[in-house]
Amino acid sequence: MTRMTMAAVGVGVLIAGLLAGGCGKPGDNDDKRPKVGFLMTLDHPYWQNMRLGAKDEAEKLGMDVTILNAKEDPVLQIQQVREIIAKQVDIVCIVPMKKEPLVRGVQMLNKAKIPVIIVNREVDEGCEYICFTGTDTYAGAIVSTKILVEAMGGKGEIVEFHQHLGTGPELLRSKALREVLKDYPDIKIVERLGHEGKPELVKTEMQTLLQRYPKLGGVYAHGDVFSIAAAQVCRKAGRNEVKIVGMGGSQEALDAIKDGLMTGTSFQKPEEEGRSAMRLARKYLDKETLKKNYLIDCEAITKENAHKFKGQF
């Protein structure tokens, strides 16, 4: 063997040794990172903030997360369950678009032996999941209701603007309102209307409601953006006596509360919900024992303390 041939063989052995030692290009070991599927909706800044929290926390914890947007469509979400199963992820976090239809989706994940964490919204019985994490929606709605009834002095007429029918938050927020009102017999719900996720629809309906109920005293809206829409109509009509609460804690809502446009809201933390889901996924994959529920509290925000908060979306 010539010296040149020996040198070439030596270089080849050296390169092979370096590659075997992990000096390949970045990403060669990406298949070793846990793969997480996150099935949710992105139809509102709230959810987009949750997505950002999840992506950032997953990166910190050394996991790859695939996020799919179901657009509030339970049929689409079932299709995405099939898609995420095909991707052979290690664990799935899911925000159910509706409680009952997603039982089948979670059952599909159970059959595929993919562990499931439920986030933000509840799912009906009949399926198995590791744990739930998210805003304590019911407790948060209690907070908003109490702000409203106290501001109204415990009497008067109110209207409720609810969100998509059949979702966990819609059911819990309406339940919370009625539970609190059991202690306030002088407060009456005169209308219950869906906003379909459209602030402009709230504005149109609110104009009619102010004419129909000249003594209207309050508005209970499932979401800050919808309470702000109602409040803007009331201010323009000179009906500043109408007390209005929302739910969420957006920066726009905080500014509206400071300005006196809104009466109050309950402070939710979508970014923390996304981060919590990723932390729990990592813990489960690391064989840690988890409890069934990881609830995130909501605080009351009114004009007196709004300056202490920073909006999450």
C-alpha atoms as a PDB file:
ATOM      1  CA  MET A   1       0.000   0.000   0.000  1.00  0.00           C
ATOM      2  CA  THR A   2       1.453   3.406  -0.969  1.00  0.00           C
ATOM      3  CA  ARG A   3       1.835   6.240   1.494  1.00  0.00           C
ATOM      4  CA  MET A   4      -0.890   8.198  -0.336  1.00  0.00           C
ATOM      5  CA  THR A   5      -3.312   5.276  -0.094  1.00  0.00           C
ATOM      6  CA  MET A   6      -2.563   4.830   3.603  1.00  0.00           C
ATOM      7  CA  ALA A   7      -3.170   8.539   4.210  1.00  0.00           C
ATOM      8  CA  ALA A   8      -6.524   8.388   2.416  1.00  0.00           C
ATOM      9  CA  VAL A   9      -7.583   5.383   4.477  1.00  0.00           C
ATOM     10  CA  GLY A  10      -6.550   7.205   7.664  1.00  0.00           C
ATOM     11  CA  VAL A  11      -8.598  10.269   6.785  1.00  0.00           C
ATOM     12  CA  GLY A  12     -11.600   8.068   6.030  1.00  0.00           C
ATOM     13  CA  VAL A  13     -11.319   6.312   9.376  1.00  0.00           C
ATOM     14  CA  LEU A  14     -10.995   9.659  11.154  1.00  0.00           C
ATOM     15  CA  ILE A  15     -14.120  11.076   9.483  1.00  0.00           C
ATOM     16  CA  ALA A  16     -16.092   7.931  10.247  1.00  0.00           C
ATOM     17  CA  GLY A  17     -15.008   8.130  13.853  1.00  0.00           C
ATOM     18  CA  LEU A  18     -16.031  11.771  14.146  1.00  0.00           C
ATOM     19  CA  LEU A  19     -19.471  11.094  12.688  1.00  0.00           C
ATOM     20  CA  ALA A  20     -19.965   8.108  14.985  1.00  0.00           C
ATOM     21  CA  GLY A  21     -19.012  10.341  17.889  1.00  0.00           C
ATOM     22  CA  GLY A  22     -21.900  12.714  17.188  1.00  0.00           C
ATOM     23  CA  CYS A  23     -20.212  15.373  15.079  1.00  0.00           C
ATOM     24  CA  GLY A  24     -22.865  15.171  12.398  1.00  0.00           C
ATOM     25  CA  LYS A  25     -25.032  18.096  11.417  1.00  0.00           C
ATOM     26  CA  PRO A  26     -27.578  19.524  13.901  1.00  0.00           C
ATOM     27  CA  GLY A  27     -30.841  17.592  13.912  1.00  0.00           C
ATOM     28  CA  ASP A  28     -29.308  14.143  13.397  1.00  0.00           C
ATOM     29  CA  ASN A  29     -30.686  13.098  16.795  1.00  0.00           C
ATOM     30  CA  ASP A  30     -34.032  14.849  16.486  1.00  0.00           C
ATOM     31  CA  ASP A  31     -35.798  11.479  16.274  1.00  0.00           C
ATOM     32  CA  LYS A  32     -34.791  10.891  19.889  1.00  0.00           C
ATOM     33  CA  ARG A  33     -36.757  13.919  21.098  1.00  0.00           C
ATOM     34  CA  PRO A  34     -40.239  13.085  22.428  1.00  0.00           C
ATOM     35  CA  LYS A  35     -42.953  13.951  19.917  1.00  0.00           C
ATOM     36  CA  VAL A  36     -46.066  15.703  21.216  1.00  0.00           C
ATOM     37  CA  GLY A  37     -49.264  16.348  19.297  1.00  0.00           C
ATOM     38  CA  PHE A  38     -51.318  19.379  20.402  1.00  0.00           C
ATOM     39  CA  LEU A  39     -54.841  19.445  18.941  1.00  0.00           C
ATOM     40  CA  MET A  40     -56.594  22.755  19.593  1.00  0.00           C
ATOM     41  CA  THR A  41     -58.187  25.772  17.917  1.00  0.00           C
ATOM     42  CA  LEU A  42     -56.506  29.029  16.918  1.00  0.00           C
ATOM     43  CA  ASP A  43     -59.617  31.071  16.169  1.00  0.00           C
ATOM     44  CA  HIS A  44     -58.923  33.722  18.822  1.00  0.00           C
ATOM     45  CA  PRO A  45     -55.837  35.469  20.234  1.00  0.00           C
ATOM     46  CA  TYR A  46     -56.455  33.523  23.462  1.00  0.00           C
ATOM     47  CA  TRP A  47     -55.634  30.242  21.726  1.00  0.00           C
ATOM     48  CA  GLN A  48     -52.751  31.736  19.789  1.00  0.00           C
ATOM     49  CA  ASN A  49     -51.206  32.751  23.100  1.00  0.00           C
ATOM     50  CA  MET A  50     -51.680  29.196  24.397  1.00  0.00           C
ATOM     51  CA  ARG A  51     -49.910  27.934  21.281  1.00  0.00           C
ATOM     52  CA  LEU A  52     -46.925  30.225  21.876  1.00  0.00           C
ATOM     53  CA  GLY A  53     -46.645  29.067  25.478  1.00  0.00           C
ATOM     54  CA  ALA A  54     -46.773  25.418  24.419  1.00  0.00           C
ATOM     55  CA  LYS A  55     -44.143  25.805  21.691  1.00  0.00           C
ATOM     56  CA  ASP A  56     -41.738  27.697  23.938  1.00  0.00           C
ATOM     57  CA  GLU A  57     -42.111  25.269  26.842  1.00  0.00           C
ATOM     58  CA  ALA A  58     -41.742  22.230  24.553  1.00  0.00           C
ATOM     59  CA  GLU A  59     -38.483  23.620  23.216  1.00  0.00           C
ATOM     60  CA  LYS A  60     -37.193  24.251  26.737  1.00  0.00           C
ATOM     61  CA  LEU A  61     -38.045  20.671  27.706  1.00  0.00           C
ATOM     62  CA  GLY A  62     -36.428  19.122  24.623  1.00  0.00           C
ATOM     63  CA  MET A  63     -39.640  18.011  22.896  1.00  0.00           C
ATOM     64  CA  ASP A  64     -41.015  18.442  19.378  1.00  0.00           C
ATOM     65  CA  VAL A  65     -44.629  19.616  19.307  1.00  0.00           C
ATOM     66  CA  THR A  66     -46.974  19.436  16.305  1.00  0.00           C
ATOM     67  CA  ILE A  67     -49.931  21.828  16.658  1.00  0.00           C
ATOM     68  CA  LEU A  68     -53.092  21.321  14.582  1.00  0.00           C
ATOM     69  CA  ASN A  69     -55.926  23.875  14.350  1.00  0.00           C
ATOM     70  CA  ALA A  70     -59.443  22.383  14.390  1.00  0.00           C
ATOM     71  CA  LYS A  71     -61.115  25.783  13.881  1.00  0.00           C
ATOM     72  CA  GLU A  72     -63.844  24.989  16.450  1.00  0.00           C
ATOM     73  CA  ASP A  73     -64.977  22.072  14.250  1.00  0.00           C
ATOM     74  CA  PRO A  74     -65.322  18.719  16.095  1.00  0.00           C
ATOM     75  CA  VAL A  75     -65.535  16.801  12.796  1.00  0.00           C
ATOM     76  CA  LEU A  76     -62.246  18.324  11.643  1.00  0.00           C
ATOM     77  CA  GLN A  77     -60.699  17.521  15.001  1.00  0.00           C
ATOM     78  CA  ILE A  78     -61.587  13.821  14.643  1.00  0.00           C
ATOM     79  CA  GLN A  79     -59.787  13.859  11.287  1.00  0.00           C
ATOM     80  CA  GLN A  80     -56.796  15.466  12.970  1.00  0.00           C
ATOM     81  CA  VAL A  81     -56.788  12.732  15.598  1.00  0.00           C
ATOM     82  CA  ARG A  82     -56.291  10.222  12.773  1.00  0.00           C
ATOM     83  CA  GLU A  83     -53.537  12.406  11.346  1.00  0.00           C
ATOM     84  CA  ILE A  84     -51.678  12.684  14.638  1.00  0.00           C
ATOM     85  CA  ILE A  85     -51.932   8.925  15.217  1.00  0.00           C
ATOM     86  CA  ALA A  86     -50.333   8.379  11.801  1.00  0.00           C
ATOM     87  CA  LYS A  87     -47.454  10.631  12.872  1.00  0.00           C
ATOM     88  CA  GLN A  88     -46.736   8.165  15.715  1.00  0.00           C
ATOM     89  CA  VAL A  89     -46.365  10.821  18.393  1.00  0.00           C
ATOM     90  CA  ASP A  90     -45.504   9.815  21.947  1.00  0.00           C
ATOM     91  CA  ILE A  91     -48.320  11.753  23.654  1.00  0.00           C
ATOM     92  CA  VAL A  92     -51.243  14.017  22.679  1.00  0.00           C
ATOM     93  CA  CYS A  93     -52.572  17.137  24.389  1.00  0.00           C
ATOM     94  CA  ILE A  94     -56.046  18.041  23.188  1.00  0.00           C
ATOM     95  CA  VAL A  95     -58.480  20.938  23.622  1.00  0.00           C
ATOM     96  CA  PRO A  96     -61.838  19.249  22.843  1.00  0.00           C
ATOM     97  CA  MET A  97     -63.937  21.286  20.421  1.00  0.00           C
ATOM     98  CA  LYS A  98     -67.019  19.779  22.072  1.00  0.00           C
ATOM     99  CA  LYS A  99     -67.417  17.475  25.054  1.00  0.00           C
ATOM    100  CA  GLU A 100     -69.395  14.603  23.526  1.00  0.00           C
ATOM    101  CA  PRO A 101     -68.048  14.232  19.956  1.00  0.00           C
ATOM    102  CA  LEU A 102     -64.438  14.103  21.131  1.00  0.00           C
ATOM    103  CA  VAL A 103     -65.054  11.005  23.243  1.00  0.00           C
ATOM    104  CA  ARG A 104     -64.626   9.006  20.039  1.00  0.00           C
ATOM    105  CA  GLY A 105     -61.443  10.878  19.203  1.00  0.00           C
ATOM    106  CA  VAL A 106     -59.890  10.139  22.574  1.00  0.00           C
ATOM    107  CA  GLN A 107     -61.027   6.508  22.280  1.00  0.00           C
ATOM    108  CA  MET A 108     -59.101   6.321  18.984  1.00  0.00           C
ATOM    109  CA  LEU A 109     -55.996   7.554  20.775  1.00  0.00           C
ATOM    110  CA  ASN A 110     -56.613   5.025  23.566  1.00  0.00           C
ATOM    111  CA  LYS A 111     -56.795   2.225  20.993  1.00  0.00           C
ATOM    112  CA  ALA A 112     -53.527   3.435  19.446  1.00  0.00           C
ATOM    113  CA  LYS A 113     -51.993   3.352  22.945  1.00  0.00           C
ATOM    114  CA  ILE A 114     -51.121   7.050  22.807  1.00  0.00           C
ATOM    115  CA  PRO A 115     -51.508   8.762  26.210  1.00  0.00           C
ATOM    116  CA  VAL A 116     -53.787  11.816  26.309  1.00  0.00           C
ATOM    117  CA  ILE A 117     -53.808  15.037  28.335  1.00  0.00           C
ATOM    118  CA  ILE A 118     -57.001  17.136  28.187  1.00  0.00           C
ATOM    119  CA  VAL A 119     -56.438  20.912  28.101  1.00  0.00           C
ATOM    120  CA  ASN A 120     -58.770  23.848  28.903  1.00  0.00           C
ATOM    121  CA  ARG A 121     -62.060  22.157  27.942  1.00  0.00           C
ATOM    122  CA  GLU A 122     -63.587  19.006  29.363  1.00  0.00           C
ATOM    123  CA  VAL A 123     -64.470  15.796  27.542  1.00  0.00           C
ATOM    124  CA  ASP A 124     -67.434  13.531  28.345  1.00  0.00           C
ATOM    125  CA  GLU A 125     -67.085  10.177  30.063  1.00  0.00           C
ATOM    126  CA  GLY A 126     -66.370   7.053  28.068  1.00  0.00           C
ATOM    127  CA  CYS A 127     -62.701   7.577  27.284  1.00  0.00           C
ATOM    128  CA  GLU A 128     -59.399   7.491  29.150  1.00  0.00           C
ATOM    129  CA  TYR A 129     -56.930  10.307  29.686  1.00  0.00           C
ATOM    130  CA  ILE A 130     -53.973  10.910  31.974  1.00  0.00           C
ATOM    131  CA  CYS A 131     -55.009  14.256  33.442  1.00  0.00           C
ATOM    132  CA  PHE A 132     -56.667  17.606  32.827  1.00  0.00           C
ATOM    133  CA  THR A 133     -54.969  20.987  32.933  1.00  0.00           C
ATOM    134  CA  GLY A 134     -56.384  24.415  32.289  1.00  0.00           C
ATOM    135  CA  THR A 135     -58.230  27.380  33.627  1.00  0.00           C
ATOM    136  CA  ASP A 136     -60.733  26.605  36.338  1.00  0.00           C
ATOM    137  CA  THR A 137     -63.483  27.793  34.001  1.00  0.00           C
ATOM    138  CA  TYR A 138     -66.312  27.372  36.468  1.00  0.00           C
ATOM    139  CA  ALA A 139     -64.483  29.217  39.265  1.00  0.00           C
ATOM    140  CA  GLY A 140     -63.520  31.982  36.847  1.00  0.00           C
ATOM    141  CA  ALA A 141     -67.127  32.391  35.752  1.00  0.00           C
ATOM    142  CA  ILE A 142     -68.169  32.594  39.412  1.00  0.00           C
ATOM    143  CA  VAL A 143     -65.661  35.428  39.811  1.00  0.00           C
ATOM    144  CA  SER A 144     -67.108  37.372  36.867  1.00  0.00           C
ATOM    145  CA  THR A 145     -70.690  36.789  37.998  1.00  0.00           C
ATOM    146  CA  LYS A 146     -69.969  38.075  41.496  1.00  0.00           C
ATOM    147  CA  ILE A 147     -68.348  41.212  40.096  1.00  0.00           C
ATOM    148  CA  LEU A 148     -71.515  41.825  38.079  1.00  0.00           C
ATOM    149  CA  VAL A 149     -74.105  41.230  40.786  1.00  0.00           C
ATOM    150  CA  GLU A 150     -72.209  43.342  43.315  1.00  0.00           C
ATOM    151  CA  ALA A 151     -71.876  46.203  40.825  1.00  0.00           C
ATOM    152  CA  MET A 152     -75.642  45.969  40.162  1.00  0.00           C
ATOM    153  CA  GLY A 153     -76.450  46.121  43.863  1.00  0.00           C
ATOM    154  CA  GLY A 154     -78.067  42.691  43.753  1.00  0.00           C
ATOM    155  CA  LYS A 155     -81.041  43.629  41.577  1.00  0.00           C
ATOM    156  CA  GLY A 156     -82.008  44.320  37.986  1.00  0.00           C
ATOM    157  CA  GLU A 157     -82.206  42.741  34.530  1.00  0.00           C
ATOM    158  CA  ILE A 158     -79.267  41.150  32.748  1.00  0.00           C
ATOM    159  CA  VAL A 159     -78.545  39.558  29.368  1.00  0.00           C
ATOM    160  CA  GLU A 160     -76.101  36.735  28.701  1.00  0.00           C
ATOM    161  CA  PHE A 161     -74.003  36.453  25.543  1.00  0.00           C
ATOM    162  CA  HIS A 162     -72.829  32.846  25.376  1.00  0.00           C
ATOM    163  CA  GLN A 163     -70.173  31.264  23.169  1.00  0.00           C
ATOM    164  CA  HIS A 164     -70.331  28.163  20.960  1.00  0.00           C
ATOM    165  CA  LEU A 165     -73.111  25.916  22.293  1.00  0.00           C
ATOM    166  CA  GLY A 166     -72.080  22.591  23.736  1.00  0.00           C
ATOM    167  CA  THR A 167     -68.463  23.462  24.496  1.00  0.00           C
ATOM    168  CA  GLY A 168     -67.223  22.866  28.032  1.00  0.00           C
ATOM    169  CA  PRO A 169     -66.686  26.579  28.791  1.00  0.00           C
ATOM    170  CA  GLU A 170     -70.136  27.525  27.481  1.00  0.00           C
ATOM    171  CA  LEU A 171     -71.835  24.997  29.731  1.00  0.00           C
ATOM    172  CA  LEU A 172     -69.766  25.847  32.799  1.00  0.00           C
ATOM    173  CA  ARG A 173     -70.071  29.619  32.428  1.00  0.00           C
ATOM    174  CA  SER A 174     -73.834  29.456  32.073  1.00  0.00           C
ATOM    175  CA  LYS A 175     -74.042  27.081  35.037  1.00  0.00           C
ATOM    176  CA  ALA A 176     -71.927  29.419  37.187  1.00  0.00           C
ATOM    177  CA  LEU A 177     -74.175  32.373  36.378  1.00  0.00           C
ATOM    178  CA  ARG A 178     -77.303  30.506  37.429  1.00  0.00           C
ATOM    179  CA  GLU A 179     -75.721  29.105  40.569  1.00  0.00           C
ATOM    180  CA  VAL A 180     -74.711  32.560  41.818  1.00  0.00           C
ATOM    181  CA  LEU A 181     -78.078  34.066  40.908  1.00  0.00           C
ATOM    182  CA  LYS A 182     -79.831  31.603  43.220  1.00  0.00           C
ATOM    183  CA  ASP A 183     -78.731  33.950  46.006  1.00  0.00           C
ATOM    184  CA  TYR A 184     -79.985  37.037  44.132  1.00  0.00           C
ATOM    185  CA  PRO A 185     -83.719  36.570  43.465  1.00  0.00           C
ATOM    186  CA  ASP A 186     -84.041  40.223  42.434  1.00  0.00           C
ATOM    187  CA  ILE A 187     -81.800  39.713  39.397  1.00  0.00           C
ATOM    188  CA  LYS A 188     -83.497  38.320  36.289  1.00  0.00           C
ATOM    189  CA  ILE A 189     -81.946  36.997  33.056  1.00  0.00           C
ATOM    190  CA  VAL A 190     -84.145  38.503  30.343  1.00  0.00           C
ATOM    191  CA  GLU A 191     -82.285  37.262  27.252  1.00  0.00           C
ATOM    192  CA  ARG A 192     -79.672  34.622  26.394  1.00  0.00           C
ATOM    193  CA  LEU A 193     -78.031  35.037  23.001  1.00  0.00           C
ATOM    194  CA  GLY A 194     -75.161  33.378  21.140  1.00  0.00           C
ATOM    195  CA  HIS A 195     -72.389  35.586  19.819  1.00  0.00           C
ATOM    196  CA  GLU A 196     -70.948  32.882  17.505  1.00  0.00           C
ATOM    197  CA  GLY A 197     -67.497  34.299  18.119  1.00  0.00           C
ATOM    198  CA  LYS A 198     -68.454  37.538  16.319  1.00  0.00           C
ATOM    199  CA  PRO A 199     -68.173  40.889  18.159  1.00  0.00           C
ATOM    200  CA  GLU A 200     -70.131  42.624  15.389  1.00  0.00           C
ATOM    201  CA  LEU A 201     -73.089  40.331  16.073  1.00  0.00           C
ATOM    202  CA  VAL A 202     -72.972  41.360  19.740  1.00  0.00           C
ATOM    203  CA  LYS A 203     -73.070  45.028  18.724  1.00  0.00           C
ATOM    204  CA  THR A 204     -76.096  44.485  16.505  1.00  0.00           C
ATOM    205  CA  GLU A 205     -77.955  42.515  19.168  1.00  0.00           C
ATOM    206  CA  MET A 206     -77.000  44.992  21.888  1.00  0.00           C
ATOM    207  CA  GLN A 207     -78.598  47.887  20.034  1.00  0.00           C
ATOM    208  CA  THR A 208     -81.874  45.975  19.928  1.00  0.00           C
ATOM    209  CA  LEU A 209     -81.623  44.891  23.563  1.00  0.00           C
ATOM    210  CA  LEU A 210     -81.194  48.441  24.823  1.00  0.00           C
ATOM    211  CA  GLN A 211     -84.438  49.421  23.100  1.00  0.00           C
ATOM    212  CA  ARG A 212     -86.271  46.323  24.280  1.00  0.00           C
ATOM    213  CA  TYR A 213     -85.136  46.629  27.905  1.00  0.00           C
ATOM    214  CA  PRO A 214     -84.955  50.270  28.974  1.00  0.00           C
ATOM    215  CA  LYS A 215     -84.169  49.143  32.547  1.00  0.00           C
ATOM    216  CA  LEU A 216     -81.404  46.716  31.591  1.00  0.00           C
ATOM    217  CA  GLY A 217     -78.819  46.664  34.346  1.00  0.00           C
ATOM    218  CA  GLY A 218     -76.105  44.212  33.291  1.00  0.00           C
ATOM    219  CA  VAL A 219     -74.385  42.152  30.603  1.00  0.00           C
ATOM    220  CA  TYR A 220     -72.662  38.819  31.243  1.00  0.00           C
ATOM    221  CA  ALA A 221     -70.504  37.964  28.208  1.00  0.00           C
ATOM    222  CA  HIS A 222     -68.497  34.780  27.621  1.00  0.00           C
ATOM    223  CA  GLY A 223     -65.280  36.523  26.609  1.00  0.00           C
ATOM    224  CA  ASP A 224     -63.727  39.963  26.911  1.00  0.00           C
ATOM    225  CA  VAL A 225     -63.938  40.903  23.257  1.00  0.00           C
ATOM    226  CA  PHE A 226     -67.712  40.426  23.380  1.00  0.00           C
ATOM    227  CA  SER A 227     -68.153  42.359  26.611  1.00  0.00           C
ATOM    228  CA  ILE A 228     -66.176  45.225  25.065  1.00  0.00           C
ATOM    229  CA  ALA A 229     -68.413  45.160  21.985  1.00  0.00           C
ATOM    230  CA  ALA A 230     -71.515  45.383  24.201  1.00  0.00           C
ATOM    231  CA  ALA A 231     -69.954  48.136  26.302  1.00  0.00           C
ATOM    232  CA  GLN A 232     -69.134  50.240  23.261  1.00  0.00           C
ATOM    233  CA  VAL A 233     -72.786  50.159  22.179  1.00  0.00           C
ATOM    234  CA  CYS A 234     -73.950  51.082  25.673  1.00  0.00           C
ATOM    235  CA  ARG A 235     -71.569  54.034  25.882  1.00  0.00           C
ATOM    236  CA  LYS A 236     -72.583  55.318  22.457  1.00  0.00           C
ATOM    237  CA  ALA A 237     -76.250  55.092  23.497  1.00  0.00           C
ATOM    238  CA  GLY A 238     -75.552  56.951  26.751  1.00  0.00           C
ATOM    239  CA  ARG A 239     -76.451  53.864  28.819  1.00  0.00           C
ATOM    240  CA  ASN A 240     -73.443  54.030  31.133  1.00  0.00           C
ATOM    241  CA  GLU A 241     -75.482  52.582  34.004  1.00  0.00           C
ATOM    242  CA  VAL A 242     -75.326  49.103  32.418  1.00  0.00           C
ATOM    243  CA  LYS A 243     -72.684  47.007  34.200  1.00  0.00           C
ATOM    244  CA  ILE A 244     -70.704  44.705  31.922  1.00  0.00           C
ATOM    245  CA  VAL A 245     -68.340  41.828  32.702  1.00  0.00           C
ATOM    246  CA  GLY A 246     -66.313  39.515  30.519  1.00  0.00           C
ATOM    247  CA  MET A 247     -63.881  36.649  30.980  1.00  0.00           C
ATOM    248  CA  GLY A 248     -60.289  36.343  29.864  1.00  0.00           C
ATOM    249  CA  GLY A 249     -58.111  39.233  30.960  1.00  0.00           C
ATOM    250  CA  SER A 250     -56.934  40.537  27.574  1.00  0.00           C
ATOM    251  CA  GLN A 251     -54.924  43.756  27.454  1.00  0.00           C
ATOM    252  CA  GLU A 252     -57.820  45.403  25.634  1.00  0.00           C
ATOM    253  CA  ALA A 253     -60.137  44.410  28.490  1.00  0.00           C
ATOM    254  CA  LEU A 254     -57.745  45.757  31.120  1.00  0.00           C
ATOM    255  CA  ASP A 255     -57.632  49.089  29.292  1.00  0.00           C
ATOM    256  CA  ALA A 256     -61.435  49.097  29.003  1.00  0.00           C
ATOM    257  CA  ILE A 257     -61.788  48.475  32.745  1.00  0.00           C
ATOM    258  CA  LYS A 258     -59.341  51.280  33.589  1.00  0.00           C
ATOM    259  CA  ASP A 259     -61.333  53.566  31.280  1.00  0.00           C
ATOM    260  CA  GLY A 260     -64.634  52.615  32.946  1.00  0.00           C
ATOM    261  CA  LEU A 261     -65.977  51.040  29.763  1.00  0.00           C
ATOM    262  CA  MET A 262     -66.153  47.562  31.322  1.00  0.00           C
ATOM    263  CA  THR A 263     -66.987  46.738  34.932  1.00  0.00           C
ATOM    264  CA  GLY A 264     -64.648  43.783  35.339  1.00  0.00           C
ATOM    265  CA  THR A 265     -63.405  40.390  34.194  1.00  0.00           C
ATOM    266  CA  SER A 266     -61.764  37.201  35.446  1.00  0.00           C
ATOM    267  CA  PHE A 267     -58.068  36.836  34.629  1.00  0.00           C
ATOM    268  CA  GLN A 268     -57.218  33.701  32.672  1.00  0.00           C
ATOM    269  CA  LYS A 269     -53.738  32.576  31.636  1.00  0.00           C
ATOM    270  CA  PRO A 270     -53.707  30.875  28.200  1.00  0.00           C
ATOM    271  CA  GLU A 271     -49.913  30.944  27.953  1.00  0.00           C
ATOM    272  CA  GLU A 272     -49.644  29.106  31.260  1.00  0.00           C
ATOM    273  CA  GLU A 273     -52.211  26.551  30.051  1.00  0.00           C
ATOM    274  CA  GLY A 274     -50.002  25.738  27.070  1.00  0.00           C
ATOM    275  CA  ARG A 275     -46.885  25.539  29.227  1.00  0.00           C
ATOM    276  CA  SER A 276     -48.639  23.375  31.817  1.00  0.00           C
ATOM    277  CA  ALA A 277     -49.712  20.903  29.114  1.00  0.00           C
ATOM    278  CA  MET A 278     -46.109  20.533  27.911  1.00  0.00           C
ATOM    279  CA  ARG A 279     -44.713  20.186  31.431  1.00  0.00           C
ATOM    280  CA  LEU A 280     -47.195  17.450  32.253  1.00  0.00           C
ATOM    281  CA  ALA A 281     -46.463  15.658  28.978  1.00  0.00           C
ATOM    282  CA  ARG A 282     -42.759  15.663  29.785  1.00  0.00           C
ATOM    283  CA  LYS A 283     -43.348  14.442  33.344  1.00  0.00           C
ATOM    284  CA  TYR A 284     -45.558  11.604  32.140  1.00  0.00           C
ATOM    285  CA  LEU A 285     -43.016  10.511  29.547  1.00  0.00           C
ATOM    286  CA  ASP A 286     -40.363  10.629  32.291  1.00  0.00           C
ATOM    287  CA  LYS A 287     -42.509   8.161  34.279  1.00  0.00           C
ATOM    288  CA  GLU A 288     -43.567  10.642  36.980  1.00  0.00           C
ATOM    289  CA  THR A 289     -46.863   9.985  38.751  1.00  0.00           C
ATOM    290  CA  LEU A 290     -49.485  12.642  37.975  1.00  0.00           C
ATOM    291  CA  LYS A 291     -52.701  13.584  39.727  1.00  0.00           C
ATOM    292  CA  LYS A 292     -55.942  13.887  37.769  1.00  0.00           C
ATOM    293  CA  ASN A 293     -56.434  17.675  37.712  1.00  0.00           C
ATOM    294  CA  TYR A 294     -54.099  20.658  37.424  1.00  0.00           C
ATOM    295  CA  LEU A 295     -56.335  23.726  37.645  1.00  0.00           C
ATOM    296  CA  ILE A 296     -55.173  27.292  37.016  1.00  0.00           C
ATOM    297  CA  ASP A 297     -56.939  29.917  39.129  1.00  0.00           C
ATOM    298  CA  CYS A 298     -58.670  33.064  37.826  1.00  0.00           C
ATOM    299  CA  GLU A 299     -58.412  36.355  39.708  1.00  0.00           C
ATOM    300  CA  ALA A 300     -61.016  39.121  39.789  1.00  0.00           C
ATOM    301  CA  ILE A 301     -60.116  42.320  37.926  1.00  0.00           C
ATOM    302  CA  THR A 302     -61.973  45.585  38.502  1.00  0.00           C
ATOM    303  CA  LYS A 303     -61.052  49.238  38.139  1.00  0.00           C
ATOM    304  CA  GLU A 304     -59.515  49.162  41.621  1.00  0.00           C
ATOM    305  CA  ASN A 305     -56.809  46.622  40.781  1.00  0.00           C
ATOM    306  CA  ALA A 306     -56.572  46.560  36.946  1.00  0.00           C
ATOM    307  CA  HIS A 307     -53.264  48.436  37.074  1.00  0.00           C
ATOM    308  CA  LYS A 308     -51.625  45.402  38.722  1.00  0.00           C
ATOM    309  CA  PHE A 309     -52.225  43.108  35.730  1.00  0.00           C
ATOM    310  CA  LYS A 310     -50.735  42.708  32.271  1.00  0.00           C
ATOM    311  CA  GLY A 311     -52.895  41.201  29.547  1.00  0.00           C
ATOM    312  CA  GLN A 312     -51.865  37.808  28.200  1.00  0.00           C
ATOM    313  CA  PHE A 313     -53.348  38.354  24.759  1.00  0.00           C
END
